[in-house]
Amino acid sequence: MRLSAKFSGDPDAGSNARAAAEVVRKLRAAFQTGKSKPYEFRIRQLEGLLRFFDENVDILCAALWKDLHKPRQECIVTEIEIVKNEIRSALASLKKWMAPRPAEKSLAIMTDYPFIQHEPYGVALIIGAWNYPVNLLLSPLVGAISAGNCVLIKPSEVSENVERLLEQLLPQYLDKNCFEVVCAGPEDTSLLLKEQFDYIFFTGSTTVGKIVYEAAAKHLTPVTLEMGGKSPVYVDADADMALTAKRIMWGKTLNAGQTCIAPDYVLCTADTQRQLVEAMKKVSHDFSTDQQDSKDYCHIVSDRQFNRLKGLLKDQTIGFGGQTDAETRYIAPTVLTNVDPASDVMKAEIFGPILPIIPVADVDQAIRFVQQREKPLALYIFAKSKKVIEKILRGTTSGGACVNDTIMHVTVDSLPFGGVGPSGLGAYHGFSSFETFSHKRSILWKPHGLDFLYYSRYPPYSEGKTKGLIALLKYRRPLPSWLSTVFIFGLGGLVGYAARFLNNHFPIPAFLQQHAERLGFPSSR
């Protein structure tokens, strides 16, 4: 479905607003039937999404090549397989994820059953990003499906070939009542944000993330904001320079640096800078002798982004690289040396294949440098010294961190992925995705009877009752789960013993016993 008048030919913004309202209404009506909640339905949708990938690998790679000149290996590994692994994990674990989770008991509720039930929020909006237009849209969708939501799926309009493909193909694999792909530009996305959703998941820039957050606040809608920031790299003097250079350059040139967790700048001593630049120059040559025509190197997504990145090279000292071509939107992997922290290249996330190096005196100055700036989405440390690594981890904050590598922490689905502060809000991947799209409903299930155990809470109040309640409610170490079972069995045995004692010493009158036997109760004689 396309909202934009650019595609629909309808110049009436009011009709687009009505279309946005209608698609949300349709999804809400489907959710209210309960269709998306059963385990079997969720499994079918996940299997359908897995089939979408299995049957369309070549078409997806072709669309990604047109939009980003993205190499086939990067398409398969960073766009397709990473999402397929999310699906496989959900298929294997969904029954366990959906099961009620027992909560710890206190003395006051020893005979009760406290538990947490994960419930779907309802109608979710997922807004994808252009740099990984498949992964960053469909990976959160796995969590939304697993949690039982209905979803409005909004691909990025910048990666237009992937957007068109998803609009055409996804409805063939997912339930059409519970899932809707909507194509819209910035203006029409604003119309969507005026609608009331039950959850919004956004991936993109901090600037747009603030707009999404403001729109969500009007309806008190919970959000996940996956944004970015300037992810620093610290290289210690004792690091293996050849290995460090290879892993930094791989992280920086992956998708031509158009990755939210790409290394954004390097902090190291002046002597380390000299060694590192030489090692990175060799690595860049090893990756490709002619990257402009290489099928293994991405290009910049748009003229606007190309011109912005080219402008960042002005008045900088280029260690190597720096070549550009406007026609193909090519920018060579470029390392800048002795960069002034106040220069333009350090004012915002670079989001391209340009890597500034800022010399620092020591690790302490590097920590202060990171502390004085906004909290990044990722932080990278290359060092052999455990003392140095732990010092940096203790002295800084970031969404995630990776030691002696770049990017790879995002591939571990047991690690929640997300930012902190300006770099993001919330996290996902694996079970964290399921939790993100689930409301954790707290439930206390009390059995009938046994009310004599709680007599102290009822009026008339007394000092003795108050002391009794304080004793019951006072925090103690959580009771072992087996203890309540023992208590209930013990209580049952005590009640049975008391009943037998009373029957033996205070026999039931004969006429009542005869009446009970006529009703089918066993004789006590």
Protein backbone atom coordinates (compact mmCIF):
# COMPACT_ATOMS: atom_id res chain seq x y z
CA MET A 1 0.00 0.00 0.00
CA ARG A 2 1.33 3.44 -0.94
CA LEU A 3 0.27 6.58 0.85
CA SER A 4 2.43 9.03 -1.04
CA ALA A 5 0.77 11.08 -3.76
CA LYS A 6 4.03 10.67 -5.67
CA PHE A 7 3.01 7.08 -6.35
CA SER A 8 -0.76 7.17 -6.00
CA GLY A 9 -1.38 10.19 -8.19
CA ASP A 10 -3.74 11.56 -5.55
CA PRO A 11 -2.78 15.13 -4.59
CA ASP A 12 -5.25 15.25 -1.73
CA ALA A 13 -3.38 15.02 1.56
CA GLY A 14 -6.71 14.45 3.29
CA SER A 15 -7.23 11.21 1.39
CA ASN A 16 -3.79 10.02 2.49
CA ALA A 17 -4.70 10.82 6.10
CA ARG A 18 -7.91 8.83 5.72
CA ALA A 19 -5.95 5.95 4.17
CA ALA A 20 -3.54 5.97 7.12
CA ALA A 21 -6.43 5.92 9.58
CA GLU A 22 -8.14 3.12 7.67
CA VAL A 23 -5.13 0.80 7.63
CA VAL A 24 -4.63 1.27 11.40
CA ARG A 25 -8.35 0.65 11.97
CA LYS A 26 -8.15 -2.56 9.92
CA LEU A 27 -5.16 -3.84 11.89
CA ARG A 28 -6.81 -2.98 15.20
CA ALA A 29 -9.99 -4.79 14.22
CA ALA A 30 -7.93 -7.87 13.33
CA PHE A 31 -6.09 -7.74 16.65
CA GLN A 32 -9.31 -7.44 18.62
CA THR A 33 -10.53 -10.71 17.15
CA GLY A 34 -7.58 -12.41 18.87
CA LYS A 35 -6.37 -13.84 15.56
CA SER A 36 -2.69 -12.92 16.06
CA LYS A 37 -2.40 -14.32 19.60
CA PRO A 38 -2.43 -18.16 19.34
CA TYR A 39 0.90 -19.96 19.30
CA GLU A 40 -0.01 -21.78 16.08
CA PHE A 41 -0.74 -18.52 14.22
CA ARG A 42 2.55 -16.96 15.30
CA ILE A 43 4.46 -20.04 14.16
CA ARG A 44 2.77 -19.96 10.72
CA GLN A 45 3.70 -16.30 10.23
CA LEU A 46 7.32 -16.91 11.24
CA GLU A 47 7.50 -19.86 8.87
CA GLY A 48 6.05 -17.66 6.12
CA LEU A 49 8.69 -15.00 6.75
CA LEU A 50 11.42 -17.65 6.62
CA ARG A 51 9.99 -18.86 3.29
CA PHE A 52 10.07 -15.26 2.00
CA PHE A 53 13.84 -15.23 2.46
CA ASP A 54 14.43 -18.74 1.13
CA GLU A 55 12.51 -18.07 -2.08
CA ASN A 56 13.75 -14.55 -2.87
CA VAL A 57 17.50 -14.41 -2.18
CA ASP A 58 18.51 -13.40 -5.71
CA ILE A 59 15.75 -10.78 -6.04
CA LEU A 60 16.66 -9.23 -2.70
CA CYS A 61 20.36 -9.12 -3.58
CA ALA A 62 19.57 -7.48 -6.93
CA ALA A 63 17.46 -4.77 -5.26
CA LEU A 64 20.17 -4.11 -2.66
CA TRP A 65 22.75 -3.82 -5.44
CA LYS A 66 20.64 -1.21 -7.21
CA ASP A 67 20.10 0.84 -4.07
CA LEU A 68 23.49 0.57 -2.39
CA HIS A 69 25.85 -1.32 -4.72
CA LYS A 70 25.85 -3.81 -1.85
CA PRO A 71 28.05 -6.91 -2.43
CA ARG A 72 26.24 -10.24 -2.56
CA GLN A 73 28.11 -11.59 0.48
CA GLU A 74 27.10 -8.56 2.54
CA CYS A 75 23.51 -8.96 1.32
CA ILE A 76 23.34 -12.58 2.38
CA VAL A 77 25.22 -12.27 5.68
CA THR A 78 24.11 -8.85 6.99
CA GLU A 79 20.61 -8.58 5.50
CA ILE A 80 19.24 -12.09 5.03
CA GLU A 81 20.93 -14.71 7.21
CA ILE A 82 21.01 -12.51 10.30
CA VAL A 83 17.20 -12.19 10.14
CA LYS A 84 16.75 -15.87 9.32
CA ASN A 85 18.68 -16.70 12.48
CA GLU A 86 16.30 -14.49 14.46
CA ILE A 87 13.39 -16.45 12.96
CA ARG A 88 15.00 -19.82 13.70
CA SER A 89 15.61 -18.77 17.29
CA ALA A 90 12.00 -17.66 17.68
CA LEU A 91 10.63 -20.87 16.14
CA ALA A 92 12.75 -22.97 18.51
CA SER A 93 11.97 -20.96 21.65
CA LEU A 94 8.51 -19.44 21.20
CA LYS A 95 6.62 -21.93 23.37
CA LYS A 96 9.05 -21.28 26.24
CA TRP A 97 8.86 -17.50 25.71
CA MET A 98 5.06 -17.54 25.82
CA ALA A 99 4.83 -19.66 28.98
CA PRO A 100 3.92 -17.90 32.25
CA ARG A 101 7.03 -17.01 34.23
CA PRO A 102 6.70 -17.75 37.96
CA ALA A 103 7.72 -14.88 40.23
CA GLU A 104 9.47 -15.14 43.57
CA LYS A 105 7.26 -15.73 46.60
CA SER A 106 7.27 -14.12 49.99
CA LEU A 107 5.92 -15.56 53.27
CA ALA A 108 2.70 -13.55 52.84
CA ILE A 109 1.78 -15.33 49.56
CA MET A 110 3.21 -18.78 50.24
CA THR A 111 0.01 -20.52 49.14
CA ASP A 112 -0.52 -18.29 46.06
CA TYR A 113 0.80 -18.33 42.47
CA PRO A 114 2.45 -15.07 41.35
CA PHE A 115 3.53 -15.04 37.69
CA ILE A 116 4.29 -12.83 34.69
CA GLN A 117 2.38 -13.32 31.45
CA HIS A 118 3.81 -11.77 28.28
CA GLU A 119 0.97 -10.24 26.25
CA PRO A 120 1.06 -8.48 22.87
CA TYR A 121 0.70 -4.70 22.92
CA GLY A 122 -1.72 -4.68 19.99
CA VAL A 123 -1.01 -2.74 16.78
CA ALA A 124 2.69 -1.95 16.30
CA LEU A 125 4.37 0.38 13.82
CA ILE A 126 7.86 -0.57 12.60
CA ILE A 127 9.79 2.08 10.65
CA GLY A 128 12.90 0.76 8.87
CA ALA A 129 16.11 2.46 7.74
CA TRP A 130 17.74 2.72 4.32
CA ASN A 131 21.25 1.49 5.20
CA TYR A 132 20.16 -2.08 5.97
CA PRO A 133 16.66 -1.88 4.50
CA VAL A 134 15.84 -5.58 4.91
CA ASN A 135 17.52 -6.40 8.23
CA LEU A 136 16.49 -3.29 10.16
CA LEU A 137 12.85 -3.65 9.10
CA LEU A 138 12.28 -7.40 9.29
CA SER A 139 14.44 -8.27 12.31
CA PRO A 140 12.16 -6.31 14.68
CA LEU A 141 9.18 -7.76 12.80
CA VAL A 142 10.25 -11.21 14.05
CA GLY A 143 9.86 -9.98 17.63
CA ALA A 144 6.52 -8.33 16.89
CA ILE A 145 5.11 -11.51 15.31
CA SER A 146 6.50 -13.70 18.11
CA ALA A 147 4.81 -11.51 20.71
CA GLY A 148 1.41 -11.76 18.93
CA ASN A 149 1.00 -8.22 17.56
CA CYS A 150 -0.53 -6.94 14.35
CA VAL A 151 1.99 -4.76 12.50
CA LEU A 152 2.14 -1.83 10.10
CA ILE A 153 5.48 -2.26 8.29
CA LYS A 154 7.02 0.95 6.87
CA PRO A 155 10.15 0.44 4.72
CA SER A 156 12.55 3.30 4.02
CA GLU A 157 11.65 5.26 0.89
CA VAL A 158 15.34 6.08 0.30
CA SER A 159 16.20 2.48 -0.64
CA GLU A 160 13.39 2.56 -3.19
CA ASN A 161 14.08 -0.73 -4.97
CA VAL A 162 13.96 -2.71 -1.73
CA GLU A 163 10.88 -0.74 -0.65
CA ARG A 164 9.05 -1.66 -3.87
CA LEU A 165 10.08 -5.32 -3.54
CA LEU A 166 8.86 -5.61 0.04
CA GLU A 167 5.56 -3.99 -0.86
CA GLN A 168 5.02 -6.54 -3.63
CA LEU A 169 6.30 -9.73 -1.99
CA LEU A 170 5.77 -9.64 1.78
CA PRO A 171 1.94 -9.78 1.59
CA GLN A 172 2.31 -13.12 -0.21
CA TYR A 173 3.90 -14.65 2.90
CA LEU A 174 2.09 -12.98 5.81
CA ASP A 175 -1.54 -12.75 6.90
CA LYS A 176 -3.06 -9.78 5.03
CA ASN A 177 -5.41 -8.83 7.88
CA CYS A 178 -2.71 -8.68 10.56
CA PHE A 179 0.23 -7.28 8.61
CA GLU A 180 0.33 -4.37 6.18
CA VAL A 181 3.28 -2.93 4.25
CA VAL A 182 2.84 0.82 3.81
CA CYS A 183 5.14 2.87 1.56
CA ALA A 184 5.34 6.54 2.45
CA GLY A 185 7.67 9.52 2.25
CA PRO A 186 8.46 11.85 5.15
CA GLU A 187 5.21 13.86 4.89
CA ASP A 188 2.98 10.82 4.77
CA THR A 189 4.96 9.13 7.55
CA SER A 190 3.99 12.16 9.64
CA LEU A 191 0.37 11.30 8.89
CA LEU A 192 0.95 7.76 10.12
CA LEU A 193 2.50 9.07 13.33
CA LYS A 194 -0.68 11.02 14.09
CA GLU A 195 -2.51 7.70 14.44
CA GLN A 196 -2.57 5.91 17.78
CA PHE A 197 -0.41 2.81 17.84
CA ASP A 198 0.19 0.50 20.78
CA TYR A 199 3.94 0.32 20.12
CA ILE A 200 6.37 2.10 17.78
CA PHE A 201 9.76 0.72 16.76
CA PHE A 202 11.96 3.19 14.87
CA THR A 203 15.41 2.84 13.33
CA GLY A 204 17.11 5.93 11.92
CA SER A 205 18.76 9.21 12.80
CA THR A 206 18.54 10.90 16.19
CA THR A 207 16.88 13.93 14.56
CA VAL A 208 13.99 11.88 13.18
CA GLY A 209 13.94 9.72 16.31
CA LYS A 210 13.07 12.80 18.36
CA ILE A 211 10.14 13.53 16.01
CA VAL A 212 8.89 9.95 16.41
CA TYR A 213 9.28 10.15 20.19
CA GLU A 214 7.31 13.41 20.33
CA ALA A 215 4.50 11.96 18.22
CA ALA A 216 4.37 8.82 20.40
CA ALA A 217 4.23 10.91 23.57
CA LYS A 218 0.92 12.46 22.48
CA HIS A 219 -0.70 9.04 22.80
CA LEU A 220 1.60 7.79 25.60
CA THR A 221 2.74 5.07 23.19
CA PRO A 222 5.82 3.08 24.28
CA VAL A 223 8.72 3.14 21.82
CA THR A 224 12.02 1.61 20.88
CA LEU A 225 14.37 4.07 19.17
CA GLU A 226 17.40 2.55 17.44
CA MET A 227 19.55 5.51 16.42
CA GLY A 228 23.32 5.92 16.36
CA GLY A 229 26.08 8.31 17.29
CA LYS A 230 29.83 8.52 17.11
CA SER A 231 31.15 5.12 18.15
CA PRO A 232 34.75 5.47 19.36
CA VAL A 233 37.67 3.05 19.00
CA TYR A 234 40.54 3.03 21.46
CA VAL A 235 43.75 1.37 20.26
CA ASP A 236 46.29 0.64 22.98
CA ALA A 237 50.01 0.65 22.29
CA ASP A 238 50.23 -3.09 23.05
CA ALA A 239 47.53 -4.06 20.52
CA ASP A 240 48.34 -6.39 17.62
CA MET A 241 48.48 -3.67 14.92
CA ALA A 242 47.97 -5.95 11.91
CA LEU A 243 44.92 -7.64 13.42
CA THR A 244 43.57 -4.36 14.83
CA ALA A 245 43.91 -2.62 11.46
CA LYS A 246 42.13 -5.47 9.66
CA ARG A 247 39.18 -5.54 12.05
CA ILE A 248 38.77 -1.76 12.20
CA MET A 249 38.94 -1.40 8.42
CA TRP A 250 36.44 -4.23 7.95
CA GLY A 251 34.03 -2.59 10.37
CA LYS A 252 34.50 0.79 8.70
CA THR A 253 34.20 -0.37 5.07
CA LEU A 254 31.28 -2.76 5.65
CA ASN A 255 28.38 -1.16 3.75
CA ALA A 256 30.83 1.70 2.99
CA GLY A 257 30.63 2.83 6.60
CA GLN A 258 26.85 3.32 6.38
CA THR A 259 26.34 1.29 9.55
CA CYS A 260 25.01 2.68 12.83
CA ILE A 261 27.68 0.84 14.82
CA ALA A 262 30.58 1.49 12.40
CA PRO A 263 33.78 2.72 14.07
CA ASP A 264 33.40 6.50 13.88
CA TYR A 265 36.79 7.70 15.11
CA VAL A 266 39.99 6.34 16.67
CA LEU A 267 41.74 7.45 19.85
CA CYS A 268 45.39 6.44 20.29
CA THR A 269 48.80 7.91 21.01
CA ALA A 270 50.73 9.69 18.24
CA ASP A 271 53.19 6.82 17.96
CA THR A 272 50.37 4.27 17.75
CA GLN A 273 48.70 6.43 15.08
CA ARG A 274 51.77 6.14 12.84
CA GLN A 275 51.88 2.34 13.15
CA LEU A 276 48.13 1.97 12.76
CA VAL A 277 47.87 4.11 9.60
CA GLU A 278 50.57 2.04 7.89
CA ALA A 279 48.84 -1.20 8.88
CA MET A 280 45.40 0.06 7.75
CA LYS A 281 46.80 1.24 4.42
CA LYS A 282 48.13 -2.26 3.76
CA VAL A 283 44.82 -3.84 4.81
CA SER A 284 42.87 -1.52 2.50
CA HIS A 285 45.08 -2.60 -0.41
CA ASP A 286 44.67 -6.26 0.55
CA PHE A 287 40.88 -5.88 0.55
CA SER A 288 40.93 -4.56 -3.02
CA THR A 289 43.45 -2.94 -5.38
CA ASP A 290 40.64 -1.16 -7.25
CA GLN A 291 37.75 -0.55 -4.89
CA GLN A 292 35.91 1.88 -7.17
CA ASP A 293 35.10 -0.92 -9.62
CA SER A 294 35.06 -3.67 -7.01
CA LYS A 295 31.96 -5.81 -6.52
CA ASP A 296 33.04 -6.18 -2.89
CA TYR A 297 32.60 -2.53 -1.91
CA CYS A 298 29.40 -0.58 -1.33
CA HIS A 299 28.67 2.91 -2.67
CA ILE A 300 26.94 5.87 -1.04
CA VAL A 301 23.14 5.72 -1.12
CA SER A 302 22.31 9.18 -2.50
CA ASP A 303 23.80 12.38 -3.97
CA ARG A 304 22.90 14.27 -0.81
CA GLN A 305 24.81 11.83 1.39
CA PHE A 306 27.73 11.77 -1.07
CA ASN A 307 28.08 15.56 -1.06
CA ARG A 308 27.82 15.69 2.73
CA LEU A 309 30.61 13.14 3.13
CA LYS A 310 32.83 14.75 0.51
CA GLY A 311 32.51 18.05 2.38
CA LEU A 312 33.92 16.42 5.53
CA LEU A 313 37.26 15.86 3.76
CA LYS A 314 37.87 19.58 3.32
CA ASP A 315 40.96 20.94 5.14
CA GLN A 316 41.80 17.53 6.59
CA THR A 317 45.13 15.65 6.56
CA ILE A 318 44.52 12.46 4.60
CA GLY A 319 46.59 9.48 5.71
CA PHE A 320 45.40 7.52 2.68
CA GLY A 321 42.32 7.35 0.45
CA GLY A 322 40.27 10.44 -0.26
CA GLN A 323 39.32 9.56 -3.85
CA THR A 324 35.71 10.30 -4.84
CA ASP A 325 33.49 9.95 -7.90
CA ALA A 326 30.17 11.80 -7.96
CA GLU A 327 28.72 9.85 -10.89
CA THR A 328 28.89 6.49 -9.11
CA ARG A 329 28.72 8.01 -5.60
CA TYR A 330 32.01 6.33 -4.73
CA ILE A 331 34.15 7.41 -1.80
CA ALA A 332 37.33 5.45 -1.14
CA PRO A 333 38.09 4.14 2.34
CA THR A 334 39.77 7.19 3.88
CA VAL A 335 41.78 7.68 7.06
CA LEU A 336 42.32 11.18 8.42
CA THR A 337 45.23 11.86 10.78
CA ASN A 338 45.81 14.38 13.59
CA VAL A 339 42.17 15.46 13.46
CA ASP A 340 41.05 18.51 15.43
CA PRO A 341 38.18 17.47 17.77
CA ALA A 342 36.42 20.75 16.88
CA SER A 343 36.39 20.07 13.11
CA ASP A 344 33.21 19.31 11.18
CA VAL A 345 34.04 15.62 10.83
CA MET A 346 33.76 15.28 14.63
CA LYS A 347 30.47 17.14 15.07
CA ALA A 348 28.08 14.38 14.02
CA GLU A 349 28.02 10.71 13.11
CA ILE A 350 29.98 10.28 9.87
CA PHE A 351 27.99 7.39 8.36
CA GLY A 352 30.48 6.82 5.57
CA PRO A 353 33.94 5.32 4.85
CA ILE A 354 35.87 8.15 6.52
CA LEU A 355 37.83 7.42 9.72
CA PRO A 356 39.39 10.27 11.74
CA ILE A 357 42.24 9.54 14.16
CA ILE A 358 42.65 11.81 17.20
CA PRO A 359 45.94 11.49 19.09
CA VAL A 360 45.68 11.36 22.90
CA ALA A 361 48.35 11.23 25.57
CA ASP A 362 47.16 8.04 27.24
CA VAL A 363 44.16 5.88 28.11
CA ASP A 364 42.97 8.32 30.78
CA GLN A 365 42.70 11.15 28.25
CA ALA A 366 40.86 8.79 25.89
CA ILE A 367 38.32 7.97 28.63
CA ARG A 368 37.78 11.68 29.39
CA PHE A 369 37.30 12.36 25.67
CA VAL A 370 34.50 9.77 25.46
CA GLN A 371 32.94 10.89 28.76
CA GLN A 372 32.68 14.50 27.55
CA ARG A 373 30.54 13.50 24.56
CA GLU A 374 27.13 11.94 24.06
CA LYS A 375 26.82 8.26 24.91
CA PRO A 376 27.59 6.22 21.78
CA LEU A 377 25.77 3.21 20.37
CA ALA A 378 28.96 1.14 20.38
CA LEU A 379 32.47 1.35 21.83
CA TYR A 380 35.48 -0.63 20.63
CA ILE A 381 38.66 -1.43 22.54
CA PHE A 382 41.80 -2.99 21.07
CA ALA A 383 44.28 -3.97 23.79
CA LYS A 384 45.99 -6.99 25.30
CA SER A 385 46.01 -5.64 28.84
CA LYS A 386 43.00 -6.79 30.84
CA LYS A 387 43.61 -3.87 33.20
CA VAL A 388 43.32 -1.33 30.36
CA ILE A 389 40.20 -3.00 28.93
CA GLU A 390 38.40 -3.07 32.29
CA LYS A 391 39.43 0.52 33.02
CA ILE A 392 37.83 1.74 29.79
CA LEU A 393 34.68 -0.32 30.33
CA ARG A 394 34.31 1.03 33.88
CA GLY A 395 35.01 4.62 32.85
CA THR A 396 32.64 4.85 29.87
CA THR A 397 29.03 4.12 28.91
CA SER A 398 27.72 2.94 25.56
CA GLY A 399 24.83 0.95 24.12
CA GLY A 400 27.16 -2.00 23.55
CA ALA A 401 30.88 -2.69 23.48
CA CYS A 402 33.24 -5.04 21.70
CA VAL A 403 36.77 -5.91 22.76
CA ASN A 404 39.37 -6.63 20.07
CA ASP A 405 36.81 -6.58 17.27
CA THR A 406 34.17 -4.39 15.67
CA ILE A 407 30.52 -4.94 14.72
CA MET A 408 30.44 -8.60 15.80
CA HIS A 409 28.56 -8.09 19.08
CA VAL A 410 25.43 -7.36 17.03
CA THR A 411 25.46 -10.94 15.68
CA VAL A 412 24.99 -12.48 19.15
CA ASP A 413 21.21 -12.78 19.50
CA SER A 414 21.49 -13.54 23.23
CA LEU A 415 22.87 -10.01 23.72
CA PRO A 416 20.27 -7.21 23.70
CA PHE A 417 21.17 -4.64 21.02
CA GLY A 418 20.31 -1.00 21.60
CA GLY A 419 21.57 2.43 22.52
CA VAL A 420 21.57 4.63 25.58
CA GLY A 421 20.59 8.28 25.77
CA PRO A 422 20.89 10.00 22.36
CA SER A 423 22.05 6.76 20.71
CA GLY A 424 18.83 4.93 21.44
CA LEU A 425 16.07 3.78 23.75
CA GLY A 426 15.25 0.12 24.29
CA ALA A 427 16.85 -3.00 22.83
CA TYR A 428 16.07 -6.07 20.75
CA HIS A 429 17.39 -9.34 19.21
CA GLY A 430 16.46 -12.85 20.32
CA PHE A 431 14.32 -13.02 23.46
CA SER A 432 14.84 -9.27 23.92
CA SER A 433 12.83 -8.69 20.73
CA PHE A 434 9.97 -10.77 22.12
CA GLU A 435 10.11 -8.80 25.37
CA THR A 436 10.26 -5.48 23.53
CA PHE A 437 6.95 -6.13 21.80
CA SER A 438 5.30 -7.67 24.88
CA HIS A 439 3.54 -6.16 27.86
CA LYS A 440 4.65 -7.94 31.02
CA ARG A 441 1.35 -8.51 32.83
CA SER A 442 1.77 -9.20 36.56
CA ILE A 443 -0.75 -11.71 37.92
CA LEU A 444 -1.35 -13.07 41.43
CA TRP A 445 -3.56 -16.17 41.49
CA LYS A 446 -4.99 -16.95 44.93
CA PRO A 447 -6.85 -20.16 45.70
CA HIS A 448 -10.30 -20.19 47.27
CA GLY A 449 -10.34 -20.79 51.01
CA LEU A 450 -7.50 -20.60 53.53
CA ASP A 451 -8.73 -17.11 54.38
CA PHE A 452 -7.97 -17.69 58.04
CA LEU A 453 -4.30 -17.21 57.10
CA TYR A 454 -5.03 -13.59 56.22
CA TYR A 455 -7.40 -12.61 59.05
CA SER A 456 -4.97 -9.89 60.21
CA ARG A 457 -5.70 -7.65 57.22
CA TYR A 458 -9.42 -7.30 57.98
CA PRO A 459 -11.01 -4.82 60.41
CA PRO A 460 -11.36 -4.39 63.31
CA TYR A 461 -7.63 -3.56 63.43
CA SER A 462 -5.44 -4.12 66.47
CA GLU A 463 -1.83 -3.78 67.47
CA GLY A 464 -1.44 -7.53 67.33
CA LYS A 465 -2.78 -7.67 63.76
CA THR A 466 -0.42 -4.85 62.73
CA LYS A 467 2.60 -6.70 64.13
CA GLY A 468 1.45 -9.88 62.40
CA LEU A 469 1.18 -8.13 59.04
CA ILE A 470 4.60 -6.51 59.46
CA ALA A 471 6.11 -9.92 60.13
CA LEU A 472 4.43 -11.39 57.05
CA LEU A 473 5.29 -8.52 54.69
CA LYS A 474 8.85 -7.93 55.86
CA TYR A 475 11.36 -8.56 53.06
CA ARG A 476 13.30 -11.76 53.39
CA ARG A 477 15.29 -13.84 50.98
CA PRO A 478 12.83 -15.33 48.45
CA LEU A 479 11.43 -18.63 49.61
CA PRO A 480 12.46 -21.75 47.67
CA SER A 481 9.70 -22.86 45.30
CA TRP A 482 9.51 -26.29 46.95
CA LEU A 483 8.72 -24.78 50.34
CA SER A 484 5.22 -23.66 49.38
CA THR A 485 4.49 -27.17 48.08
CA VAL A 486 5.63 -28.68 51.36
CA PHE A 487 3.57 -26.09 53.25
CA ILE A 488 0.39 -26.85 51.27
CA PHE A 489 0.82 -30.62 51.69
CA GLY A 490 1.54 -30.11 55.37
CA LEU A 491 -1.50 -27.88 55.75
CA GLY A 492 -3.64 -30.46 53.95
CA GLY A 493 -2.37 -33.19 56.25
CA LEU A 494 -3.06 -31.03 59.29
CA VAL A 495 -6.62 -30.32 58.15
CA GLY A 496 -7.19 -34.03 57.48
CA TYR A 497 -5.84 -34.96 60.91
CA ALA A 498 -8.04 -32.33 62.58
CA ALA A 499 -11.12 -33.62 60.73
CA ARG A 500 -10.42 -37.21 61.83
CA PHE A 501 -9.78 -36.08 65.39
CA LEU A 502 -13.07 -34.20 65.51
CA ASN A 503 -14.95 -37.13 63.97
CA ASN A 504 -13.51 -39.57 66.48
CA HIS A 505 -14.21 -37.41 69.51
CA PHE A 506 -17.34 -35.64 68.34
CA PRO A 507 -19.25 -38.21 66.23
CA ILE A 508 -21.64 -37.00 63.53
CA PRO A 509 -25.30 -37.55 64.55
CA ALA A 510 -26.77 -40.71 63.01
CA PHE A 511 -29.49 -38.89 61.03
CA LEU A 512 -26.84 -36.64 59.37
CA GLN A 513 -24.63 -39.64 58.61
CA GLN A 514 -27.57 -41.47 56.96
CA HIS A 515 -28.41 -38.38 54.90
CA ALA A 516 -24.78 -38.05 53.74
CA GLU A 517 -24.69 -41.72 52.67
CA ARG A 518 -27.87 -41.24 50.60
CA LEU A 519 -26.11 -38.36 48.81
CA GLY A 520 -23.20 -40.65 47.97
CA PHE A 521 -20.65 -39.61 50.59
CA PRO A 522 -18.61 -42.45 52.15
CA SER A 523 -19.58 -43.68 55.57
CA SER A 524 -17.40 -42.69 58.50
CA ARG A 525 -18.53 -45.76 60.49
